[in-house]
Protein backbone atom coordinates (compact mmCIF):
# COMPACT_ATOMS: atom_id res chain seq x y z
CA MET A 1 0.00 0.04 -0.02
CA THR A 2 1.34 3.37 -1.02
CA HIS A 3 1.65 6.34 1.37
CA LYS A 4 -1.32 8.08 -0.49
CA GLU A 5 -3.46 4.86 -0.17
CA ARG A 6 -2.54 4.58 3.53
CA SER A 7 -3.63 8.28 3.98
CA HIS A 8 -6.88 7.66 2.25
CA SER A 9 -7.49 4.50 4.32
CA ALA A 10 -6.79 6.32 7.56
CA ALA A 11 -9.14 9.11 6.48
CA ARG A 12 -11.94 6.60 5.84
CA LEU A 13 -11.32 4.92 9.17
CA LEU A 14 -11.58 8.31 10.99
CA LEU A 15 -14.67 9.10 9.11
CA LEU A 16 -16.20 5.67 10.01
CA LEU A 17 -15.33 6.22 13.74
CA MET A 18 -16.91 9.69 13.62
CA LEU A 19 -20.07 8.11 12.25
CA VAL A 20 -20.12 5.39 14.95
CA PHE A 21 -19.82 8.00 17.67
CA ALA A 22 -22.43 10.20 16.07
CA LEU A 23 -24.88 7.27 15.94
CA ALA A 24 -24.08 5.94 19.48
CA PRO A 25 -26.54 6.65 22.26
CA THR A 26 -25.91 10.15 23.72
CA ALA A 27 -24.00 10.15 27.04
CA SER A 28 -26.12 11.02 30.01
CA ALA A 29 -23.49 13.69 30.99
CA GLU A 30 -24.98 15.90 28.22
CA TRP A 31 -28.24 16.08 30.16
CA ARG A 32 -28.46 17.01 33.81
CA GLU A 33 -31.04 15.69 36.27
CA LYS A 34 -32.24 17.25 39.51
CA VAL A 35 -34.63 15.80 42.11
CA LEU A 36 -37.06 18.66 42.88
CA TYR A 37 -38.83 16.83 45.67
CA SER A 38 -38.52 13.56 47.59
CA PHE A 39 -41.74 12.26 49.12
CA GLN A 40 -41.36 11.32 52.77
CA GLY A 41 -44.21 8.78 53.12
CA GLY A 42 -46.71 8.88 55.91
CA THR A 43 -48.85 12.07 55.91
CA ASP A 44 -46.75 13.50 53.14
CA GLY A 45 -47.63 10.81 50.47
CA ALA A 46 -45.56 8.15 48.76
CA THR A 47 -45.38 6.45 45.31
CA PRO A 48 -46.49 9.13 42.76
CA ALA A 49 -49.34 7.92 40.56
CA GLY A 50 -48.76 9.12 37.03
CA GLY A 51 -46.86 12.28 36.08
CA VAL A 52 -47.18 16.03 36.79
CA VAL A 53 -48.95 18.99 35.17
CA PHE A 54 -48.07 22.68 35.16
CA ASP A 55 -50.37 25.65 35.90
CA LYS A 56 -49.85 29.12 34.39
CA GLN A 57 -47.80 30.23 37.44
CA GLY A 58 -45.28 27.37 36.95
CA ASN A 59 -46.46 25.19 39.84
CA LEU A 60 -46.56 21.40 39.43
CA TYR A 61 -49.47 19.14 40.41
CA GLY A 62 -49.75 15.35 40.84
CA ALA A 63 -51.04 12.54 42.96
CA THR A 64 -49.54 9.82 45.05
CA GLN A 65 -51.03 6.32 45.40
CA GLN A 66 -49.99 5.82 49.05
CA GLY A 67 -49.40 7.93 52.17
CA GLY A 68 -51.56 10.69 53.38
CA GLY A 69 -53.44 8.25 55.55
CA SER A 70 -53.41 4.44 56.36
CA ASN A 71 -57.09 3.79 57.23
CA CYS A 72 -58.23 2.98 53.76
CA SER A 73 -59.35 -0.52 52.59
CA PRO A 74 -59.04 -2.76 50.71
CA MET A 75 -55.61 -1.20 49.66
CA ALA A 76 -54.60 0.17 53.12
CA ALA A 77 -53.30 3.21 51.17
CA CYS A 78 -55.36 6.41 50.85
CA GLY A 79 -53.12 8.66 48.67
CA THR A 80 -52.79 12.50 48.24
CA VAL A 81 -52.95 15.26 45.68
CA TYR A 82 -50.01 17.66 45.97
CA GLU A 83 -48.71 20.98 44.58
CA LEU A 84 -45.06 21.80 44.13
CA ALA A 85 -44.25 25.55 43.97
CA PRO A 86 -40.96 26.61 42.31
CA PRO A 87 -38.36 28.51 44.46
CA ALA A 88 -38.52 32.27 44.53
CA LYS A 89 -34.69 32.38 44.41
CA GLN A 90 -32.57 30.09 42.17
CA GLY A 91 -30.92 27.31 44.24
CA ASP A 92 -33.67 27.11 46.84
CA PRO A 93 -35.85 23.96 47.05
CA TRP A 94 -39.29 23.51 45.60
CA THR A 95 -42.08 23.73 48.27
CA GLU A 96 -44.72 21.04 48.49
CA THR A 97 -48.34 21.52 49.68
CA VAL A 98 -50.64 18.54 50.20
CA LEU A 99 -53.95 19.71 48.66
CA HIS A 100 -56.10 16.73 49.60
CA VAL A 101 -55.75 13.57 51.60
CA PHE A 102 -58.14 10.81 50.41
CA GLN A 103 -60.27 9.27 53.29
CA GLY A 104 -61.48 6.16 51.58
CA LYS A 105 -64.77 4.28 51.29
CA GLN A 106 -65.74 4.73 54.97
CA SER A 107 -65.97 8.50 54.29
CA ASN A 108 -67.52 8.01 50.85
CA ASP A 109 -64.30 9.51 49.53
CA GLY A 110 -61.84 8.00 46.96
CA GLU A 111 -58.69 6.15 47.76
CA PHE A 112 -55.64 5.06 45.84
CA PRO A 113 -55.17 7.51 42.91
CA SER A 114 -54.50 5.49 39.78
CA GLY A 115 -53.27 8.03 37.25
CA GLY A 116 -51.89 11.45 36.75
CA VAL A 117 -53.94 14.72 37.04
CA ILE A 118 -54.97 17.06 34.38
CA ALA A 119 -55.83 20.71 34.55
CA ASP A 120 -58.42 22.89 32.69
CA ALA A 121 -58.08 26.40 31.44
CA VAL A 122 -58.96 27.96 34.76
CA GLY A 123 -56.76 25.85 36.97
CA ASN A 124 -59.09 23.18 38.18
CA ILE A 125 -57.43 19.71 38.72
CA TYR A 126 -59.00 16.43 37.67
CA GLY A 127 -58.09 12.83 38.39
CA THR A 128 -59.24 9.29 39.31
CA THR A 129 -58.95 6.93 42.26
CA ALA A 130 -58.97 3.28 41.75
CA TYR A 131 -61.18 2.46 44.79
CA GLY A 132 -63.42 4.26 47.25
CA GLY A 133 -66.55 6.27 46.65
CA THR A 134 -70.11 5.16 47.24
CA GLY A 135 -70.13 2.22 44.87
CA ASP A 136 -70.93 -1.37 46.00
CA CYS A 137 -67.93 -3.14 44.50
CA VAL A 138 -66.45 -5.92 46.72
CA LEU A 139 -62.93 -7.12 46.70
CA LEU A 140 -61.80 -10.05 48.82
CA GLY A 141 -64.97 -9.74 50.92
CA ILE A 142 -64.34 -5.93 51.59
CA LYS A 143 -66.68 -3.36 50.23
CA GLY A 144 -64.08 -1.03 48.87
CA GLY A 145 -66.00 1.03 46.36
CA CYS A 146 -65.75 0.99 42.55
CA GLY A 147 -63.58 4.14 42.24
CA THR A 148 -64.16 7.88 41.57
CA VAL A 149 -63.45 10.84 39.44
CA PHE A 150 -62.56 13.95 41.42
CA GLU A 151 -61.94 17.72 41.06
CA LEU A 152 -59.97 20.13 43.02
CA SER A 153 -60.61 23.90 42.53
CA PRO A 154 -58.17 26.60 43.47
CA PRO A 155 -58.83 28.99 46.23
CA GLN A 156 -60.29 32.49 45.49
CA THR A 157 -57.54 34.15 47.51
CA LYS A 158 -53.80 33.14 47.52
CA GLY A 159 -52.94 30.77 50.36
CA GLY A 160 -56.60 29.66 50.78
CA GLN A 161 -57.85 26.12 50.82
CA TRP A 162 -58.60 24.15 47.61
CA THR A 163 -62.18 22.90 47.15
CA TYR A 164 -62.43 19.19 46.72
CA SER A 165 -65.45 17.45 45.15
CA ILE A 166 -66.16 13.99 43.82
CA LEU A 167 -67.63 14.43 40.27
CA TYR A 168 -68.63 10.78 39.88
CA SER A 169 -68.61 7.61 42.05
CA PHE A 170 -68.90 4.47 39.91
CA PRO A 171 -72.00 2.80 41.50
CA THR A 172 -71.51 -0.78 40.39
CA ALA A 173 -68.97 -2.88 38.42
CA LYS A 174 -71.28 -2.73 35.44
CA GLN A 175 -70.64 1.03 34.94
CA GLY A 176 -66.89 0.48 35.50
CA TYR A 177 -64.53 -0.66 38.12
CA VAL A 178 -60.96 0.55 38.92
CA PRO A 179 -60.58 3.68 36.83
CA ALA A 180 -56.98 4.10 35.69
CA GLY A 181 -54.77 6.22 33.59
CA ASP A 182 -55.04 9.90 32.72
CA LEU A 183 -58.34 11.64 31.77
CA VAL A 184 -58.67 13.86 28.72
CA PHE A 185 -61.17 16.68 27.88
CA ASP A 186 -62.99 17.25 24.61
CA GLY A 187 -63.79 20.68 23.35
CA ALA A 188 -67.27 20.73 24.95
CA GLY A 189 -65.76 19.99 28.43
CA ASN A 190 -66.63 16.31 28.61
CA LEU A 191 -64.10 13.96 30.22
CA TYR A 192 -63.04 10.67 28.83
CA GLY A 193 -61.26 7.91 30.77
CA ALA A 194 -61.03 4.14 31.30
CA THR A 195 -61.69 1.54 33.96
CA ILE A 196 -59.46 -1.64 33.94
CA PHE A 197 -62.35 -3.79 35.02
CA GLY A 198 -66.18 -3.62 34.95
CA GLY A 199 -68.63 -2.96 32.06
CA GLY A 200 -70.67 -6.12 32.23
CA LYS A 201 -68.79 -7.99 29.55
CA GLY A 202 -66.12 -10.66 29.68
CA THR A 203 -65.74 -13.27 32.39
CA THR A 204 -62.09 -14.42 31.96
CA CYS A 205 -60.15 -11.12 32.53
CA ASP A 206 -59.40 -11.66 36.30
CA ALA A 207 -60.06 -14.06 39.08
CA PHE A 208 -61.01 -11.30 41.60
CA TYR A 209 -62.38 -8.40 39.54
CA LYS A 210 -65.61 -8.37 37.45
CA TYR A 211 -65.62 -7.97 33.65
CA CYS A 212 -62.97 -6.59 31.19
CA GLY A 213 -63.11 -2.83 31.35
CA VAL A 214 -64.83 0.21 29.78
CA VAL A 215 -64.14 3.49 28.09
CA PHE A 216 -66.44 6.14 29.63
CA GLU A 217 -67.44 9.70 29.05
CA LEU A 218 -68.43 12.11 31.93
CA SER A 219 -70.57 15.15 30.88
CA PRO A 220 -70.79 18.25 32.96
CA PRO A 221 -74.10 19.32 34.53
CA LYS A 222 -76.30 21.51 32.37
CA THR A 223 -77.17 23.72 35.41
CA LYS A 224 -74.75 24.86 38.15
CA GLY A 225 -74.74 22.45 41.02
CA GLY A 226 -76.08 19.60 39.08
CA LYS A 227 -74.59 16.16 38.72
CA TRP A 228 -72.05 14.92 36.12
CA THR A 229 -73.44 11.94 34.13
CA GLU A 230 -71.59 8.93 32.90
CA LYS A 231 -71.96 7.19 29.58
CA VAL A 232 -70.24 3.91 28.84
CA LEU A 233 -68.90 4.21 25.28
CA HIS A 234 -67.55 0.74 25.10
CA SER A 235 -67.43 -2.35 27.35
CA PHE A 236 -64.57 -4.70 26.46
CA ALA A 237 -65.49 -8.34 26.14
CA GLY A 238 -62.10 -9.85 26.45
CA GLY A 239 -60.79 -12.31 23.95
CA THR A 240 -60.15 -10.83 20.55
CA ASP A 241 -61.93 -7.63 21.51
CA GLY A 242 -59.20 -6.59 23.95
CA ALA A 243 -59.28 -6.30 27.71
CA ASN A 244 -58.15 -3.94 30.43
CA PRO A 245 -58.05 -0.50 28.77
CA ASN A 246 -55.43 1.69 30.41
CA GLY A 247 -56.49 5.31 29.73
CA GLY A 248 -54.42 8.19 28.34
CA PHE A 249 -56.78 8.50 25.33
CA VAL A 250 -56.36 11.00 22.50
CA LEU A 251 -59.18 12.49 20.51
CA ASP A 252 -59.10 13.62 16.82
CA ARG A 253 -60.93 16.57 15.42
CA ASN A 254 -63.94 14.47 14.50
CA GLY A 255 -64.40 13.26 18.16
CA ALA A 256 -63.07 9.79 17.67
CA VAL A 257 -61.26 8.28 20.71
CA TYR A 258 -58.00 6.37 20.33
CA GLY A 259 -56.41 4.16 23.08
CA THR A 260 -55.02 0.78 23.99
CA THR A 261 -55.72 -2.26 26.15
CA SER A 262 -53.00 -4.00 27.96
CA ALA A 263 -54.44 -7.42 27.37
CA GLY A 264 -56.81 -9.37 25.08
CA GLY A 265 -56.53 -9.25 21.31
CA ASN A 266 -54.40 -12.02 19.79
CA GLN A 267 -55.41 -15.10 21.76
CA ALA A 268 -52.37 -17.02 20.70
CA CYS A 269 -50.34 -14.51 22.65
CA LYS A 270 -49.89 -15.30 26.39
CA THR A 271 -48.05 -13.05 28.91
CA THR A 272 -47.29 -13.85 32.55
CA SER A 273 -50.50 -12.02 33.62
CA SER A 274 -52.97 -12.36 30.89
CA ILE A 275 -54.07 -13.90 27.59
CA GLY A 276 -53.57 -11.63 24.70
CA CYS A 277 -50.87 -9.09 24.25
CA GLY A 278 -53.09 -6.03 23.97
CA THR A 279 -54.74 -3.89 21.26
CA THR A 280 -54.89 -0.43 19.80
CA PHE A 281 -58.52 0.68 19.13
CA GLU A 282 -60.64 3.54 17.89
CA LEU A 283 -64.11 4.52 18.98
CA ASN A 284 -66.33 6.63 16.76
CA PRO A 285 -69.68 8.29 17.58
CA THR A 286 -72.42 7.16 15.36
CA SER A 287 -74.03 9.64 13.03
CA MET A 288 -77.34 9.38 14.79
CA GLY A 289 -75.82 10.47 18.07
CA GLY A 290 -76.75 7.31 19.91
CA GLY A 291 -74.01 4.68 20.48
CA TRP A 292 -70.31 4.37 19.63
CA THR A 293 -68.71 1.91 17.32
CA GLU A 294 -65.33 0.21 17.91
CA LYS A 295 -62.70 -0.25 15.24
CA MET A 296 -59.72 -2.57 16.07
CA LEU A 297 -56.49 -0.93 14.73
CA HIS A 298 -54.09 -3.59 15.80
CA ARG A 299 -53.78 -6.71 17.88
CA PHE A 300 -50.28 -7.10 19.22
CA SER A 301 -48.71 -10.46 18.67
CA GLY A 302 -45.88 -10.36 21.38
CA GLY A 303 -43.31 -10.72 18.60
CA ASN A 304 -41.48 -7.92 16.77
CA ASP A 305 -44.56 -5.71 16.78
CA GLY A 306 -44.62 -5.45 20.63
CA ALA A 307 -46.88 -6.36 23.41
CA SER A 308 -48.54 -4.92 26.56
CA PRO A 309 -49.10 -1.28 25.30
CA ASN A 310 -48.82 1.02 28.44
CA GLY A 311 -51.73 3.34 27.64
CA GLY A 312 -51.37 6.96 26.51
CA LEU A 313 -51.15 7.47 22.70
CA THR A 314 -49.78 10.63 21.11
CA PHE A 315 -50.50 12.25 17.85
CA ASP A 316 -47.87 13.97 15.78
CA ALA A 317 -48.50 17.00 13.59
CA THR A 318 -49.36 14.68 10.64
CA GLY A 319 -51.91 12.64 12.54
CA ALA A 320 -49.75 9.58 13.07
CA LEU A 321 -50.13 7.84 16.39
CA TYR A 322 -47.30 6.92 18.66
CA GLY A 323 -47.08 4.70 21.83
CA THR A 324 -44.91 2.26 23.76
CA GLY A 325 -45.28 -1.39 24.68
CA GLY A 326 -43.64 -2.81 27.74
CA GLY A 327 -43.05 -6.25 26.08
CA GLY A 328 -42.47 -7.84 22.69
CA GLY A 329 -39.89 -6.75 20.28
CA SER A 330 -36.92 -8.92 19.16
CA LYS A 331 -35.75 -9.36 22.75
CA THR A 332 -39.19 -9.20 24.41
CA GLN A 333 -38.08 -6.08 26.14
CA GLY A 334 -40.50 -3.62 24.62
CA VAL A 335 -40.87 -1.29 21.72
CA VAL A 336 -41.80 2.25 20.64
CA PHE A 337 -44.31 2.10 17.88
CA GLN A 338 -45.96 4.37 15.28
CA PHE A 339 -49.38 3.88 13.39
CA VAL A 340 -49.95 5.75 10.12
CA ARG A 341 -53.38 5.72 8.43
CA THR A 342 -53.21 4.92 4.74
CA LYS A 343 -54.95 7.36 2.38
CA ASN A 344 -56.69 4.98 0.19
CA SER A 345 -57.92 2.17 2.49
CA GLY A 346 -57.95 4.10 5.78
CA LYS A 347 -56.09 1.15 7.44
CA TRP A 348 -53.55 1.89 10.12
CA ILE A 349 -50.12 0.42 9.60
CA GLU A 350 -47.72 -0.11 12.41
CA THR A 351 -43.97 0.63 12.28
CA VAL A 352 -41.76 -0.16 15.23
CA LEU A 353 -39.36 2.65 15.70
CA HIS A 354 -37.21 1.06 18.37
CA ARG A 355 -36.86 -2.39 19.96
CA PHE A 356 -35.31 -2.47 23.47
CA SER A 357 -32.77 -5.17 24.35
CA ALA A 358 -31.82 -4.73 27.99
CA SER A 359 -28.43 -6.18 27.15
CA GLY A 360 -25.57 -4.62 29.15
CA ASN A 361 -26.46 -1.07 30.15
CA ALA A 362 -29.29 -0.84 27.63
CA PRO A 363 -32.76 0.04 29.06
CA CYS A 364 -35.81 -2.16 28.72
CA CYS A 365 -39.60 -1.88 29.06
CA PRO A 366 -40.69 1.56 28.15
CA MET A 367 -43.44 2.50 30.67
CA ALA A 368 -45.19 5.72 29.48
CA ARG A 369 -46.56 7.69 26.63
CA VAL A 370 -44.21 9.61 24.43
CA THR A 371 -43.80 13.45 24.25
CA PHE A 372 -42.61 15.49 21.21
CA ASP A 373 -40.52 18.57 21.04
CA GLY A 374 -40.87 21.24 18.32
CA ALA A 375 -38.37 19.57 16.17
CA GLY A 376 -40.24 16.19 16.11
CA ASN A 377 -37.99 14.41 18.53
CA LEU A 378 -39.64 11.93 20.80
CA TYR A 379 -39.06 11.52 24.56
CA SER A 380 -40.20 8.96 27.14
CA VAL A 381 -38.90 6.80 29.99
CA SER A 382 -38.00 3.16 30.62
CA LEU A 383 -36.89 0.71 33.32
CA SER A 384 -33.50 -0.92 33.57
CA GLY A 385 -30.51 0.97 32.22
CA THR A 386 -26.97 1.50 33.74
CA TYR A 387 -28.01 1.40 37.35
CA PHE A 388 -31.23 -0.73 36.82
CA ARG A 389 -33.32 2.18 38.10
CA GLY A 390 -34.71 3.44 34.80
CA THR A 391 -33.72 5.92 32.13
CA ALA A 392 -35.12 9.02 30.25
CA PHE A 393 -34.55 8.62 26.50
CA ARG A 394 -34.89 10.36 23.19
CA LEU A 395 -35.63 9.17 19.66
CA LYS A 396 -34.69 11.48 16.81
CA PRO A 397 -36.54 10.98 13.52
CA PRO A 398 -34.48 9.80 10.49
CA GLY A 399 -32.98 12.37 8.16
CA SER A 400 -34.23 10.39 5.08
CA ARG A 401 -37.15 8.12 4.39
CA GLY A 402 -36.37 4.47 5.32
CA SER A 403 -33.61 5.39 7.84
CA VAL A 404 -33.78 4.36 11.42
CA TRP A 405 -34.73 6.64 14.33
CA ASN A 406 -31.67 7.50 16.44
CA PHE A 407 -31.99 6.35 20.04
CA ALA A 408 -30.10 8.19 22.90
CA ILE A 409 -30.22 7.74 26.67
CA LEU A 410 -30.51 11.23 28.17
CA TYR A 411 -30.19 10.18 31.82
CA ALA A 412 -29.81 6.89 33.76
CA PHE A 413 -31.41 7.18 37.19
CA LYS A 414 -29.28 5.89 39.99
CA GLY A 415 -31.69 5.20 42.87
CA VAL A 416 -31.54 6.50 46.41
CA PRO A 417 -30.81 9.44 47.01
CA ASP A 418 -31.51 9.94 43.32
CA ALA A 419 -34.83 9.14 41.52
CA ALA A 420 -35.72 5.66 40.54
CA TYR A 421 -38.32 3.79 38.47
CA PRO A 422 -39.87 6.33 36.17
CA GLU A 423 -43.28 5.05 34.86
CA ALA A 424 -44.99 8.36 33.82
CA ASN A 425 -44.96 10.63 30.79
CA LEU A 426 -42.59 13.58 30.57
CA ILE A 427 -43.69 17.19 30.06
CA PHE A 428 -41.76 20.23 28.85
CA ASP A 429 -41.62 23.69 30.33
CA LYS A 430 -41.13 26.77 28.15
CA ALA A 431 -37.29 26.53 28.53
CA GLY A 432 -37.11 23.03 27.15
CA LYS A 433 -36.70 21.11 30.45
CA LEU A 434 -38.44 17.83 31.06
CA TYR A 435 -40.36 17.00 34.22
CA SER A 436 -42.03 13.90 35.62
CA ALA A 437 -42.28 11.80 38.74
CA THR A 438 -40.74 8.41 39.72
CA GLU A 439 -42.32 5.65 41.94
CA GLY A 440 -39.11 5.22 43.90
CA GLY A 441 -35.93 6.79 44.95
CA GLY A 442 -35.32 10.03 46.84
CA ILE A 443 -34.54 10.47 50.47
CA GLY A 444 -37.92 9.45 51.97
CA ALA A 445 -37.97 6.81 54.74
CA CYS A 446 -39.69 4.08 52.56
CA SER A 447 -37.65 1.07 51.52
CA GLY A 448 -36.01 2.06 48.27
CA GLY A 449 -37.26 5.71 48.67
CA CYS A 450 -40.90 7.05 48.50
CA GLY A 451 -40.62 8.50 45.12
CA THR A 452 -39.69 11.91 43.53
CA VAL A 453 -40.54 14.65 41.16
CA PHE A 454 -37.60 15.43 38.87
CA GLU A 455 -36.35 17.63 36.23
CA VAL A 456 -34.02 16.69 33.27
CA SER A 457 -32.41 19.51 31.23
CA PRO A 458 -29.93 19.66 28.38
């Protein structure tokens, strides 16, 4: 080999190495993480349920599944709704205020929040509890209620007490049992959500809970002081129809509802906890304004297409749907998927954007919906990772059609005293920082920490 050939060969090698480094996952050092608050357990609350939401003043709101009180049954965990106020001076800690402590079935209140909270335009907070309320559902011989939908309204004067009210107590399992996941508003002020069980259909979804779940709509009262009314839009029958819807729905401009079930669907697919690896579905209001019709978009097979979707779909600017599955993929460690509707047939076609491997320091099992930035990059969280306490990750869209999405780990959580086990969606602030909650970690007295609210920034 001549000197000129050796020079060209070295240049090609250098270029190849530069490309390898460019395509490698981003080092976590490029993004910084900060624990904004560590839950302390007990009256303070523990184990955040879902993520957080901002108000116009920059305060964060969320719920915890446990803590607050210990007199609730059947879960022996009451839960709280909390507010985190940013510091007035940089470097000072965020300040937590417990807005509500759930009292449970014996007080006709909810217990055990089972998803994140959402906010309306005037600052009211809405969420669900899996148990409690006035319903007659019985679990293991204990009348624990069928769950609730609640509202918290801000005080008229700063520093005043928030006003708590139950908008709806699910009365029997037939109307829905164990509401879970995030709620969503439509333009008319109706709320949409899911219950994992209940609905009056399906007998094989669980040995202890009745039926296979519902999608419901709650409509506000027509006159002030009136009652919210529930309508069951679809009761899942299990089997090929899907089972256990998990909330986090999205609505299109025509009012159609899109979501996932964690089980049911492909009956040849069996997971450790269910038959069927889950589905993606669409519900459309009929033209006559009566019922709703279900359209099955995809039944997951547990193979390369994924399994056990986590609930929480996201539209991009073109109308494509995105989500995550905690299982399936080439290594059965989960996927990030996309559905695009074909123009001619209207059929939705799935593309898997990333398959998790959990090999070495790689993450596994994405656990939440995805969030987009203004450039079309996709963000979410997973379990496993370098310290086996979870990660925040990013997927960049390909530069050309047919190319792969570029995967990068933004941060690997370390566990106590750092955050651990992120399982809720991320949200952006105006400065481009990401926020969410983790179910473990922090400096609370619980084993493995009581959970945190954290910030990740570039």
